[in-house]
Protein backbone atom coordinates (compact mmCIF):
# COMPACT_ATOMS: atom_id res chain seq x y z
CA MET A 1 -71.78 355.04 0.77
CA LYS A 2 -74.25 352.27 0.15
CA VAL A 3 -74.05 350.44 -3.19
CA ILE A 4 -77.42 350.72 -5.04
CA ALA A 5 -76.37 349.35 -8.51
CA ILE A 6 -73.98 347.27 -10.45
CA ASP A 7 -72.62 348.87 -13.68
CA PRO A 8 -70.88 347.34 -16.78
CA ALA A 9 -67.45 345.86 -16.24
CA GLY A 10 -64.67 348.42 -16.42
CA CYS A 11 -67.01 351.29 -15.69
CA GLY A 12 -65.47 354.40 -14.26
CA CYS A 13 -68.40 356.80 -13.85
CA THR A 14 -68.76 359.17 -11.08
CA GLU A 15 -71.07 356.89 -9.22
CA CYS A 16 -68.56 353.92 -9.46
CA ILE A 17 -65.85 356.35 -8.20
CA THR A 18 -67.83 357.58 -5.21
CA GLY A 19 -69.09 354.05 -4.25
CA GLN A 20 -72.75 354.31 -5.17
CA TYR A 21 -72.37 351.93 -8.00
CA VAL A 22 -69.87 349.13 -8.51
CA PRO A 23 -68.52 347.77 -11.90
CA LEU A 24 -69.51 344.11 -12.45
CA ASP A 25 -65.77 343.06 -12.56
CA ARG A 26 -65.19 344.59 -9.09
CA ALA A 27 -68.56 343.46 -7.53
CA SER A 28 -68.44 340.88 -4.68
CA ARG A 29 -70.29 337.62 -4.84
CA LYS A 30 -72.68 339.05 -2.25
CA GLN A 31 -73.35 342.10 -4.41
CA VAL A 32 -73.94 339.97 -7.56
CA LEU A 33 -76.42 337.78 -5.56
CA LYS A 34 -78.17 340.89 -4.32
CA MET A 35 -78.54 342.01 -8.02
CA LEU A 36 -79.83 338.67 -9.09
CA ARG A 37 -82.45 338.86 -6.15
CA GLY A 38 -83.47 342.42 -7.31
CA LYS A 39 -81.99 344.22 -4.21
CA LEU A 40 -79.48 346.15 -6.44
CA ARG A 41 -80.17 347.62 -9.83
CA ASN A 42 -78.70 345.85 -12.85
CA ASN A 43 -77.07 348.58 -14.97
CA THR A 44 -74.78 346.17 -16.69
CA GLY A 45 -76.80 345.91 -19.95
CA GLU A 46 -76.48 342.08 -19.56
CA SER A 47 -79.27 339.55 -18.90
CA PHE A 48 -78.56 336.91 -16.29
CA THR A 49 -80.16 333.42 -15.82
CA ILE A 50 -79.91 330.99 -13.00
CA THR A 51 -80.48 327.29 -13.69
CA SER A 52 -80.79 324.63 -10.93
CA GLU A 53 -81.09 321.00 -11.30
CA TYR A 54 -82.80 318.75 -8.79
CA SER A 55 -83.85 315.04 -9.24
CA GLY A 56 -83.41 315.22 -13.03
CA ARG A 57 -85.59 318.32 -13.34
CA SER A 58 -84.27 321.71 -14.17
CA TRP A 59 -85.81 325.21 -13.57
CA THR A 60 -84.67 328.55 -15.01
CA PHE A 61 -85.08 331.76 -13.19
CA PRO A 62 -84.74 334.83 -15.48
CA ASP A 63 -83.27 338.14 -14.21
CA ARG A 64 -85.82 340.46 -13.02
């Protein structure tokens, strides 16, 4: 089954058991990256921010 969302860490809901969702603590780096890009739903209840520095400048990209 294709993962469509990331749930809170430690979640054991039916969707996590069947593989439709994955708990945050069991998600792969690739799955987390997909969530940050908006390709997977963020059901974690958490807000994520990515910050990058380049030539002394910094940009912040909030979670969608």
